Amino acid sequence: GMLERDILIRDVSKYPMLAEYFRFNIGTPAENDAAL
């Protein structure tokens, strides 16, 4: 869903103990607003 909106996050669900998680970076306030 994020990729379809040109926002790249990381699916870390294949890492040990992170099966349900994704990761995303904190950016500028404008980038954070767009991501949220």
Full PDB file with SEQRES, HELIX, SHEET, SSBOND, CRYST1, ORIGX, SCALE, CONECT and MASTER records, all heavy atoms in Angstrom:
SEQRES   1 A   36  GLY MET LEU GLU ARG ASP ILE LEU ILE ARG ASP VAL SER          
SEQRES   2 A   36  LYS TYR PRO MET LEU ALA GLU TYR PHE ARG PHE ASN ILE          
SEQRES   3 A   36  GLY THR PRO ALA GLU ASN ASP ALA ALA LEU                      
HELIX    1 AA1 LEU A    3  ARG A    5  5                                   3    
HELIX    2 AA2 PRO A   29  ALA A   35  1                                   7    
SHEET    1 AA1 2 ARG A  10  ASP A  11  0                                        
SHEET    2 AA1 2 PHE A  22  ARG A  23 -1                                        
CRYST1    1.000    1.000    1.000  90.00  90.00  90.00 P 1           1          
ORIGX1      1.000000  0.000000  0.000000        0.00000                         
ORIGX2      0.000000  1.000000  0.000000        0.00000                         
ORIGX3      0.000000  0.000000  1.000000        0.00000                         
SCALE1      1.000000  0.000000  0.000000        0.00000                         
SCALE2      0.000000  1.000000  0.000000        0.00000                         
SCALE3      0.000000  0.000000  1.000000        0.00000                         
ATOM      1  N   GLY A   1       0.812  -1.208   0.000  1.00  0.00           N  
ATOM      2  CA  GLY A   1       0.000   0.000   0.000  1.00  0.00           C  
ATOM      3  C   GLY A   1       0.849   1.262   0.000  1.00  0.00           C  
ATOM      4  O   GLY A   1       0.536   2.237  -0.688  1.00  0.00           O  
ATOM      5  N   MET A   2       1.917   1.249   0.773  1.00  0.00           N  
ATOM      6  CA  MET A   2       2.809   2.411   0.807  1.00  0.00           C  
ATOM      7  C   MET A   2       3.556   2.545  -0.517  1.00  0.00           C  
ATOM      8  O   MET A   2       3.714   3.653  -1.030  1.00  0.00           O  
ATOM      9  CB  MET A   2       3.778   2.305   1.982  1.00  0.00           C  
ATOM     10  CG  MET A   2       3.109   2.367   3.337  1.00  0.00           C  
ATOM     11  SD  MET A   2       2.252   3.909   3.683  1.00  0.00           S  
ATOM     12  CE  MET A   2       3.615   4.903   4.265  1.00  0.00           C  
ATOM     13  N   LEU A   3       3.994   1.433  -1.072  1.00  0.00           N  
ATOM     14  CA  LEU A   3       4.705   1.459  -2.352  1.00  0.00           C  
ATOM     15  C   LEU A   3       3.820   2.049  -3.444  1.00  0.00           C  
ATOM     16  O   LEU A   3       4.291   2.835  -4.266  1.00  0.00           O  
ATOM     17  CB  LEU A   3       5.167   0.048  -2.720  1.00  0.00           C  
ATOM     18  CG  LEU A   3       6.056  -0.106  -3.939  1.00  0.00           C  
ATOM     19  CD1 LEU A   3       7.358   0.672  -3.765  1.00  0.00           C  
ATOM     20  CD2 LEU A   3       6.350  -1.574  -4.194  1.00  0.00           C  
ATOM     21  N   GLU A   4       2.553   1.700  -3.436  1.00  0.00           N  
ATOM     22  CA  GLU A   4       1.604   2.250  -4.415  1.00  0.00           C  
ATOM     23  C   GLU A   4       1.453   3.761  -4.278  1.00  0.00           C  
ATOM     24  O   GLU A   4       1.018   4.434  -5.209  1.00  0.00           O  
ATOM     25  CB  GLU A   4       0.244   1.568  -4.261  1.00  0.00           C  
ATOM     26  CG  GLU A   4       0.249   0.124  -4.709  1.00  0.00           C  
ATOM     27  CD  GLU A   4      -1.000  -0.641  -4.321  1.00  0.00           C  
ATOM     28  OE1 GLU A   4      -1.934  -0.025  -3.732  1.00  0.00           O  
ATOM     29  OE2 GLU A   4      -1.050  -1.856  -4.583  1.00  0.00           O  
ATOM     30  N   ARG A   5       1.827   4.289  -3.125  1.00  0.00           N  
ATOM     31  CA  ARG A   5       1.767   5.729  -2.879  1.00  0.00           C  
ATOM     32  C   ARG A   5       3.157   6.364  -2.948  1.00  0.00           C  
ATOM     33  O   ARG A   5       3.363   7.471  -2.457  1.00  0.00           O  
ATOM     34  CB  ARG A   5       1.116   5.978  -1.519  1.00  0.00           C  
ATOM     35  CG  ARG A   5      -0.364   5.607  -1.521  1.00  0.00           C  
ATOM     36  CD  ARG A   5      -0.891   5.367  -0.127  1.00  0.00           C  
ATOM     37  NE  ARG A   5      -2.305   5.045  -0.135  1.00  0.00           N  
ATOM     38  CZ  ARG A   5      -2.811   3.842  -0.382  1.00  0.00           C  
ATOM     39  NH1 ARG A   5      -2.022   2.827  -0.657  1.00  0.00           N  
ATOM     40  NH2 ARG A   5      -4.107   3.633  -0.370  1.00  0.00           N  
ATOM     41  N   ASP A   6       4.100   5.632  -3.532  1.00  0.00           N  
ATOM     42  CA  ASP A   6       5.486   6.095  -3.702  1.00  0.00           C  
ATOM     43  C   ASP A   6       6.196   6.381  -2.389  1.00  0.00           C  
ATOM     44  O   ASP A   6       7.028   7.284  -2.298  1.00  0.00           O  
ATOM     45  CB  ASP A   6       5.550   7.332  -4.610  1.00  0.00           C  
ATOM     46  CG  ASP A   6       5.107   7.026  -6.024  1.00  0.00           C  
ATOM     47  OD1 ASP A   6       5.394   5.911  -6.496  1.00  0.00           O  
ATOM     48  OD2 ASP A   6       4.478   7.896  -6.653  1.00  0.00           O  
ATOM     49  N   ILE A   7       5.860   5.608  -1.365  1.00  0.00           N  
ATOM     50  CA  ILE A   7       6.532   5.718  -0.068  1.00  0.00           C  
ATOM     51  C   ILE A   7       7.127   4.352   0.237  1.00  0.00           C  
ATOM     52  O   ILE A   7       6.419   3.346   0.249  1.00  0.00           O  
ATOM     53  CB  ILE A   7       5.557   6.142   1.045  1.00  0.00           C  
ATOM     54  CG1 ILE A   7       4.952   7.510   0.717  1.00  0.00           C  
ATOM     55  CG2 ILE A   7       6.261   6.163   2.394  1.00  0.00           C  
ATOM     56  CD1 ILE A   7       3.850   7.941   1.643  1.00  0.00           C  
ATOM     57  N   LEU A   8       8.414   4.330   0.478  1.00  0.00           N  
ATOM     58  CA  LEU A   8       9.102   3.066   0.705  1.00  0.00           C  
ATOM     59  C   LEU A   8       9.283   2.812   2.195  1.00  0.00           C  
ATOM     60  O   LEU A   8       9.814   3.649   2.926  1.00  0.00           O  
ATOM     61  CB  LEU A   8      10.463   3.080   0.008  1.00  0.00           C  
ATOM     62  CG  LEU A   8      11.213   1.764  -0.057  1.00  0.00           C  
ATOM     63  CD1 LEU A   8      10.396   0.712  -0.791  1.00  0.00           C  
ATOM     64  CD2 LEU A   8      12.541   1.966  -0.758  1.00  0.00           C  
ATOM     65  N   ILE A   9       8.790   1.672   2.646  1.00  0.00           N  
ATOM     66  CA  ILE A   9       9.018   1.198   4.006  1.00  0.00           C  
ATOM     67  C   ILE A   9       9.669  -0.169   3.897  1.00  0.00           C  
ATOM     68  O   ILE A   9       9.820  -0.703   2.801  1.00  0.00           O  
ATOM     69  CB  ILE A   9       7.722   1.138   4.840  1.00  0.00           C  
ATOM     70  CG1 ILE A   9       6.774   0.072   4.290  1.00  0.00           C  
ATOM     71  CG2 ILE A   9       7.062   2.507   4.906  1.00  0.00           C  
ATOM     72  CD1 ILE A   9       5.604  -0.227   5.203  1.00  0.00           C  
ATOM     73  N   ARG A  10      10.027  -0.747   5.015  1.00  0.00           N  
ATOM     74  CA  ARG A  10      10.668  -2.060   4.994  1.00  0.00           C  
ATOM     75  C   ARG A  10       9.788  -3.090   5.685  1.00  0.00           C  
ATOM     76  O   ARG A  10       9.373  -2.893   6.824  1.00  0.00           O  
ATOM     77  CB  ARG A  10      12.020  -1.971   5.705  1.00  0.00           C  
ATOM     78  CG  ARG A  10      12.787  -3.287   5.663  1.00  0.00           C  
ATOM     79  CD  ARG A  10      14.136  -3.136   6.273  1.00  0.00           C  
ATOM     80  NE  ARG A  10      14.910  -2.245   5.405  1.00  0.00           N  
ATOM     81  CZ  ARG A  10      16.175  -1.930   5.602  1.00  0.00           C  
ATOM     82  NH1 ARG A  10      16.822  -2.426   6.639  1.00  0.00           N  
ATOM     83  NH2 ARG A  10      16.802  -1.130   4.788  1.00  0.00           N  
ATOM     84  N   ASP A  11       9.514  -4.161   4.986  1.00  0.00           N  
ATOM     85  CA  ASP A  11       8.804  -5.303   5.563  1.00  0.00           C  
ATOM     86  C   ASP A  11       9.859  -6.149   6.268  1.00  0.00           C  
ATOM     87  O   ASP A  11      10.692  -6.768   5.626  1.00  0.00           O  
ATOM     88  CB  ASP A  11       8.110  -6.098   4.456  1.00  0.00           C  
ATOM     89  CG  ASP A  11       7.448  -7.378   4.944  1.00  0.00           C  
ATOM     90  OD1 ASP A  11       7.513  -7.677   6.152  1.00  0.00           O  
ATOM     91  OD2 ASP A  11       6.871  -8.076   4.105  1.00  0.00           O  
ATOM     92  N   VAL A  12       9.845  -6.139   7.586  1.00  0.00           N  
ATOM     93  CA  VAL A  12      10.845  -6.893   8.349  1.00  0.00           C  
ATOM     94  C   VAL A  12      10.248  -8.175   8.929  1.00  0.00           C  
ATOM     95  O   VAL A  12      10.816  -8.776   9.839  1.00  0.00           O  
ATOM     96  CB  VAL A  12      11.472  -6.030   9.471  1.00  0.00           C  
ATOM     97  CG1 VAL A  12      12.297  -4.899   8.892  1.00  0.00           C  
ATOM     98  CG2 VAL A  12      10.420  -5.510  10.425  1.00  0.00           C  
ATOM     99  N   SER A  13       9.126  -8.592   8.395  1.00  0.00           N  
ATOM    100  CA  SER A  13       8.414  -9.740   8.951  1.00  0.00           C  
ATOM    101  C   SER A  13       9.166 -11.062   8.825  1.00  0.00           C  
ATOM    102  O   SER A  13       8.803 -12.027   9.485  1.00  0.00           O  
ATOM    103  CB  SER A  13       7.028  -9.865   8.320  1.00  0.00           C  
ATOM    104  OG  SER A  13       7.111 -10.082   6.929  1.00  0.00           O  
ATOM    105  N   LYS A  14      10.198 -11.099   8.013  1.00  0.00           N  
ATOM    106  CA  LYS A  14      10.981 -12.340   7.888  1.00  0.00           C  
ATOM    107  C   LYS A  14      12.146 -12.383   8.869  1.00  0.00           C  
ATOM    108  O   LYS A  14      12.825 -13.397   8.978  1.00  0.00           O  
ATOM    109  CB  LYS A  14      11.488 -12.496   6.465  1.00  0.00           C  
ATOM    110  CG  LYS A  14      10.345 -12.751   5.503  1.00  0.00           C  
ATOM    111  CD  LYS A  14      10.791 -13.058   4.123  1.00  0.00           C  
ATOM    112  CE  LYS A  14       9.542 -13.301   3.287  1.00  0.00           C  
ATOM    113  NZ  LYS A  14       9.780 -13.405   1.895  1.00  0.00           N  
ATOM    114  N   TYR A  15      12.365 -11.301   9.599  1.00  0.00           N  
ATOM    115  CA  TYR A  15      13.429 -11.273  10.601  1.00  0.00           C  
ATOM    116  C   TYR A  15      12.954 -12.032  11.835  1.00  0.00           C  
ATOM    117  O   TYR A  15      11.761 -12.012  12.161  1.00  0.00           O  
ATOM    118  CB  TYR A  15      13.774  -9.847  10.994  1.00  0.00           C  
ATOM    119  CG  TYR A  15      14.385  -8.996   9.909  1.00  0.00           C  
ATOM    120  CD1 TYR A  15      14.508  -9.424   8.593  1.00  0.00           C  
ATOM    121  CD2 TYR A  15      14.841  -7.730  10.194  1.00  0.00           C  
ATOM    122  CE1 TYR A  15      15.066  -8.631   7.613  1.00  0.00           C  
ATOM    123  CE2 TYR A  15      15.407  -6.919   9.217  1.00  0.00           C  
ATOM    124  CZ  TYR A  15      15.512  -7.383   7.942  1.00  0.00           C  
ATOM    125  OH  TYR A  15      16.075  -6.586   6.976  1.00  0.00           O  
ATOM    126  N   PRO A  16      13.862 -12.676  12.561  1.00  0.00           N  
ATOM    127  CA  PRO A  16      13.462 -13.381  13.785  1.00  0.00           C  
ATOM    128  C   PRO A  16      12.737 -12.431  14.760  1.00  0.00           C  
ATOM    129  O   PRO A  16      13.164 -11.303  14.960  1.00  0.00           O  
ATOM    130  CB  PRO A  16      14.790 -13.854  14.371  1.00  0.00           C  
ATOM    131  CG  PRO A  16      15.716 -13.920  13.206  1.00  0.00           C  
ATOM    132  CD  PRO A  16      15.288 -12.812  12.291  1.00  0.00           C  
ATOM    133  N   MET A  17      11.647 -12.883  15.306  1.00  0.00           N  
ATOM    134  CA  MET A  17      10.840 -12.198  16.310  1.00  0.00           C  
ATOM    135  C   MET A  17      10.110 -10.949  15.790  1.00  0.00           C  
ATOM    136  O   MET A  17       9.561 -10.187  16.569  1.00  0.00           O  
ATOM    137  CB  MET A  17      11.683 -11.833  17.543  1.00  0.00           C  
ATOM    138  CG  MET A  17      12.296 -13.046  18.201  1.00  0.00           C  
ATOM    139  SD  MET A  17      13.185 -12.841  19.762  1.00  0.00           S  
ATOM    140  CE  MET A  17      13.703 -11.174  19.809  1.00  0.00           C  
ATOM    141  N   LEU A  18      10.109 -10.705  14.486  1.00  0.00           N  
ATOM    142  CA  LEU A  18       9.432  -9.527  13.939  1.00  0.00           C  
ATOM    143  C   LEU A  18       8.361  -9.914  12.915  1.00  0.00           C  
ATOM    144  O   LEU A  18       8.059  -9.148  12.003  1.00  0.00           O  
ATOM    145  CB  LEU A  18      10.453  -8.575  13.303  1.00  0.00           C  
ATOM    146  CG  LEU A  18      11.483  -7.966  14.248  1.00  0.00           C  
ATOM    147  CD1 LEU A  18      12.489  -7.138  13.468  1.00  0.00           C  
ATOM    148  CD2 LEU A  18      10.812  -7.136  15.323  1.00  0.00           C  
ATOM    149  N   ALA A  19       7.774 -11.066  13.069  1.00  0.00           N  
ATOM    150  CA  ALA A  19       6.847 -11.616  12.072  1.00  0.00           C  
ATOM    151  C   ALA A  19       5.674 -10.692  11.751  1.00  0.00           C  
ATOM    152  O   ALA A  19       5.141 -10.739  10.647  1.00  0.00           O  
ATOM    153  CB  ALA A  19       6.330 -12.971  12.530  1.00  0.00           C  
ATOM    154  N   GLU A  20       5.276  -9.855  12.669  1.00  0.00           N  
ATOM    155  CA  GLU A  20       4.105  -9.003  12.454  1.00  0.00           C  
ATOM    156  C   GLU A  20       4.464  -7.545  12.164  1.00  0.00           C  
ATOM    157  O   GLU A  20       3.581  -6.698  12.101  1.00  0.00           O  
ATOM    158  CB  GLU A  20       3.216  -9.038  13.702  1.00  0.00           C  
ATOM    159  CG  GLU A  20       2.725 -10.427  14.043  1.00  0.00           C  
ATOM    160  CD  GLU A  20       1.975 -10.450  15.365  1.00  0.00           C  
ATOM    161  OE1 GLU A  20       1.992  -9.438  16.099  1.00  0.00           O  
ATOM    162  OE2 GLU A  20       1.372 -11.484  15.666  1.00  0.00           O  
ATOM    163  N   TYR A  21       5.736  -7.241  11.965  1.00  0.00           N  
ATOM    164  CA  TYR A  21       6.184  -5.848  11.953  1.00  0.00           C  
ATOM    165  C   TYR A  21       6.665  -5.339  10.599  1.00  0.00           C  
ATOM    166  O   TYR A  21       7.095  -6.098   9.742  1.00  0.00           O  
ATOM    167  CB  TYR A  21       7.324  -5.664  12.962  1.00  0.00           C  
ATOM    168  CG  TYR A  21       6.846  -5.779  14.383  1.00  0.00           C  
ATOM    169  CD1 TYR A  21       6.762  -7.020  15.003  1.00  0.00           C  
ATOM    170  CD2 TYR A  21       6.464  -4.650  15.098  1.00  0.00           C  
ATOM    171  CE1 TYR A  21       6.310  -7.124  16.313  1.00  0.00           C  
ATOM    172  CE2 TYR A  21       6.012  -4.747  16.399  1.00  0.00           C  
ATOM    173  CZ  TYR A  21       5.940  -5.985  16.998  1.00  0.00           C  
ATOM    174  OH  TYR A  21       5.482  -6.091  18.281  1.00  0.00           O  
ATOM    175  N   PHE A  22       6.610  -4.017  10.471  1.00  0.00           N  
ATOM    176  CA  PHE A  22       7.246  -3.294   9.371  1.00  0.00           C  
ATOM    177  C   PHE A  22       8.037  -2.148   9.996  1.00  0.00           C  
ATOM    178  O   PHE A  22       7.827  -1.785  11.147  1.00  0.00           O  
ATOM    179  CB  PHE A  22       6.217  -2.785   8.355  1.00  0.00           C  
ATOM    180  CG  PHE A  22       5.186  -1.855   8.922  1.00  0.00           C  
ATOM    181  CD1 PHE A  22       5.396  -0.492   8.936  1.00  0.00           C  
ATOM    182  CD2 PHE A  22       3.996  -2.346   9.427  1.00  0.00           C  
ATOM    183  CE1 PHE A  22       4.445   0.372   9.462  1.00  0.00           C  
ATOM    184  CE2 PHE A  22       3.042  -1.498   9.943  1.00  0.00           C  
ATOM    185  CZ  PHE A  22       3.273  -0.129   9.965  1.00  0.00           C  
ATOM    186  N   ARG A  23       8.951  -1.593   9.227  1.00  0.00           N  
ATOM    187  CA  ARG A  23       9.829  -0.538   9.721  1.00  0.00           C  
ATOM    188  C   ARG A  23       9.755   0.649   8.760  1.00  0.00           C  
ATOM    189  O   ARG A  23       9.663   0.470   7.554  1.00  0.00           O  
ATOM    190  CB  ARG A  23      11.264  -1.064   9.775  1.00  0.00           C  
ATOM    191  CG  ARG A  23      12.282  -0.020  10.124  1.00  0.00           C  
ATOM    192  CD  ARG A  23      13.674  -0.561   9.970  1.00  0.00           C  
ATOM    193  NE  ARG A  23      14.563   0.561   9.713  1.00  0.00           N  
ATOM    194  CZ  ARG A  23      15.855   0.533   9.845  1.00  0.00           C  
ATOM    195  NH1 ARG A  23      16.463  -0.582  10.203  1.00  0.00           N  
ATOM    196  NH2 ARG A  23      16.574   1.590   9.601  1.00  0.00           N  
ATOM    197  N   PHE A  24       9.814   1.834   9.291  1.00  0.00           N  
ATOM    198  CA  PHE A  24       9.860   3.024   8.450  1.00  0.00           C  
ATOM    199  C   PHE A  24      10.739   4.085   9.095  1.00  0.00           C  
ATOM    200  O   PHE A  24      10.870   4.140  10.309  1.00  0.00           O  
ATOM    201  CB  PHE A  24       8.459   3.574   8.165  1.00  0.00           C  
ATOM    202  CG  PHE A  24       7.709   4.024   9.389  1.00  0.00           C  
ATOM    203  CD1 PHE A  24       7.669   5.359   9.744  1.00  0.00           C  
ATOM    204  CD2 PHE A  24       7.027   3.103  10.171  1.00  0.00           C  
ATOM    205  CE1 PHE A  24       6.980   5.773  10.865  1.00  0.00           C  
ATOM    206  CE2 PHE A  24       6.326   3.508  11.289  1.00  0.00           C  
ATOM    207  CZ  PHE A  24       6.308   4.850  11.638  1.00  0.00           C  
ATOM    208  N   ASN A  25      11.347   4.889   8.255  1.00  0.00           N  
ATOM    209  CA  ASN A  25      12.239   5.940   8.723  1.00  0.00           C  
ATOM    210  C   ASN A  25      11.460   7.205   9.023  1.00  0.00           C  
ATOM    211  O   ASN A  25      10.461   7.506   8.381  1.00  0.00           O  
ATOM    212  CB  ASN A  25      13.304   6.256   7.671  1.00  0.00           C  
ATOM    213  CG  ASN A  25      14.343   5.168   7.589  1.00  0.00           C  
ATOM    214  OD1 ASN A  25      14.329   4.223   8.364  1.00  0.00           O  
ATOM    215  ND2 ASN A  25      15.238   5.298   6.642  1.00  0.00           N  
ATOM    216  N   ILE A  26      11.970   7.958   9.971  1.00  0.00           N  
ATOM    217  CA  ILE A  26      11.433   9.273  10.278  1.00  0.00           C  
ATOM    218  C   ILE A  26      12.116  10.258   9.336  1.00  0.00           C  
ATOM    219  O   ILE A  26      13.329  10.213   9.146  1.00  0.00           O  
ATOM    220  CB  ILE A  26      11.718   9.653  11.751  1.00  0.00           C  
ATOM    221  CG1 ILE A  26      11.098   8.630  12.701  1.00  0.00           C  
ATOM    222  CG2 ILE A  26      11.238  11.063  12.050  1.00  0.00           C  
ATOM    223  CD1 ILE A  26       9.593   8.505  12.599  1.00  0.00           C  
ATOM    224  N   GLY A  27      11.322  11.124   8.726  1.00  0.00           N  
ATOM    225  CA  GLY A  27      11.875  12.083   7.773  1.00  0.00           C  
ATOM    226  C   GLY A  27      11.613  13.512   8.207  1.00  0.00           C  
ATOM    227  O   GLY A  27      11.505  13.810   9.397  1.00  0.00           O  
ATOM    228  N   THR A  28      11.461  14.368   7.232  1.00  0.00           N  
ATOM    229  CA  THR A  28      11.127  15.756   7.513  1.00  0.00           C  
ATOM    230  C   THR A  28       9.674  15.818   7.976  1.00  0.00           C  
ATOM    231  O   THR A  28       8.905  14.868   7.762  1.00  0.00           O  
ATOM    232  CB  THR A  28      11.284  16.612   6.244  1.00  0.00           C  
ATOM    233  OG1 THR A  28      10.309  16.186   5.279  1.00  0.00           O  
ATOM    234  CG2 THR A  28      12.686  16.509   5.661  1.00  0.00           C  
ATOM    235  N   PRO A  29       9.264  16.915   8.577  1.00  0.00           N  
ATOM    236  CA  PRO A  29       7.851  17.015   8.964  1.00  0.00           C  
ATOM    237  C   PRO A  29       6.888  16.788   7.798  1.00  0.00           C  
ATOM    238  O   PRO A  29       5.874  16.104   7.963  1.00  0.00           O  
ATOM    239  CB  PRO A  29       7.749  18.439   9.526  1.00  0.00           C  
ATOM    240  CG  PRO A  29       9.106  18.692  10.105  1.00  0.00           C  
ATOM    241  CD  PRO A  29      10.052  18.042   9.113  1.00  0.00           C  
ATOM    242  N   ALA A  30       7.210  17.311   6.628  1.00  0.00           N  
ATOM    243  CA  ALA A  30       6.341  17.107   5.461  1.00  0.00           C  
ATOM    244  C   ALA A  30       6.309  15.641   5.047  1.00  0.00           C  
ATOM    245  O   ALA A  30       5.249  15.102   4.704  1.00  0.00           O  
ATOM    246  CB  ALA A  30       6.800  17.974   4.293  1.00  0.00           C  
ATOM    247  N   GLU A  31       7.457  14.977   5.074  1.00  0.00           N  
ATOM    248  CA  GLU A  31       7.500  13.547   4.733  1.00  0.00           C  
ATOM    249  C   GLU A  31       6.733  12.727   5.752  1.00  0.00           C  
ATOM    250  O   GLU A  31       6.005  11.797   5.389  1.00  0.00           O  
ATOM    251  CB  GLU A  31       8.953  13.073   4.657  1.00  0.00           C  
ATOM    252  CG  GLU A  31       9.719  13.636   3.488  1.00  0.00           C  
ATOM    253  CD  GLU A  31      11.213  13.386   3.576  1.00  0.00           C  
ATOM    254  OE1 GLU A  31      11.754  13.196   4.693  1.00  0.00           O  
ATOM    255  OE2 GLU A  31      11.862  13.399   2.514  1.00  0.00           O  
ATOM    256  N   ASN A  32       6.878  13.070   7.021  1.00  0.00           N  
ATOM    257  CA  ASN A  32       6.148  12.351   8.069  1.00  0.00           C  
ATOM    258  C   ASN A  32       4.643  12.532   7.916  1.00  0.00           C  
ATOM    259  O   ASN A  32       3.884  11.573   8.071  1.00  0.00           O  
ATOM    260  CB  ASN A  32       6.596  12.824   9.452  1.00  0.00           C  
ATOM    261  CG  ASN A  32       8.024  12.460   9.765  1.00  0.00           C  
ATOM    262  OD1 ASN A  32       8.603  11.568   9.157  1.00  0.00           O  
ATOM    263  ND2 ASN A  32       8.610  13.172  10.706  1.00  0.00           N  
ATOM    264  N   ASP A  33       4.212  13.752   7.601  1.00  0.00           N  
ATOM    265  CA  ASP A  33       2.786  14.001   7.397  1.00  0.00           C  
ATOM    266  C   ASP A  33       2.243  13.182   6.232  1.00  0.00           C  
ATOM    267  O   ASP A  33       1.159  12.595   6.319  1.00  0.00           O  
ATOM    268  CB  ASP A  33       2.527  15.488   7.149  1.00  0.00           C  
ATOM    269  CG  ASP A  33       2.725  16.341   8.392  1.00  0.00           C  
ATOM    270  OD1 ASP A  33       2.776  15.776   9.508  1.00  0.00           O  
ATOM    271  OD2 ASP A  33       2.837  17.572   8.231  1.00  0.00           O  
ATOM    272  N   ALA A  34       3.000  13.126   5.140  1.00  0.00           N  
ATOM    273  CA  ALA A  34       2.574  12.345   3.966  1.00  0.00           C  
ATOM    274  C   ALA A  34       2.502  10.860   4.307  1.00  0.00           C  
ATOM    275  O   ALA A  34       1.550  10.170   3.924  1.00  0.00           O  
ATOM    276  CB  ALA A  34       3.522  12.586   2.794  1.00  0.00           C  
ATOM    277  N   ALA A  35       3.502  10.368   5.034  1.00  0.00           N  
ATOM    278  CA  ALA A  35       3.514   8.951   5.413  1.00  0.00           C  
ATOM    279  C   ALA A  35       2.348   8.633   6.346  1.00  0.00           C  
ATOM    280  O   ALA A  35       1.666   7.621   6.179  1.00  0.00           O  
ATOM    281  CB  ALA A  35       4.848   8.578   6.071  1.00  0.00           C  
ATOM    282  N   LEU A  36       2.110   9.498   7.327  1.00  0.00           N  
ATOM    283  CA  LEU A  36       1.006   9.247   8.254  1.00  0.00           C  
ATOM    284  C   LEU A  36      -0.340   9.255   7.535  1.00  0.00           C  
ATOM    285  O   LEU A  36      -1.199   8.410   7.820  1.00  0.00           O  
ATOM    286  CB  LEU A  36       1.024  10.287   9.376  1.00  0.00           C  
ATOM    287  CG  LEU A  36       2.161  10.105  10.390  1.00  0.00           C  
ATOM    288  CD1 LEU A  36       2.275  11.336  11.284  1.00  0.00           C  
ATOM    289  CD2 LEU A  36       1.961   8.853  11.216  1.00  0.00           C  
TER     290      LEU A  36                                                      
MASTER        0    0    0    2    2    0    0    6  289    1    0    3          
END                                                                             
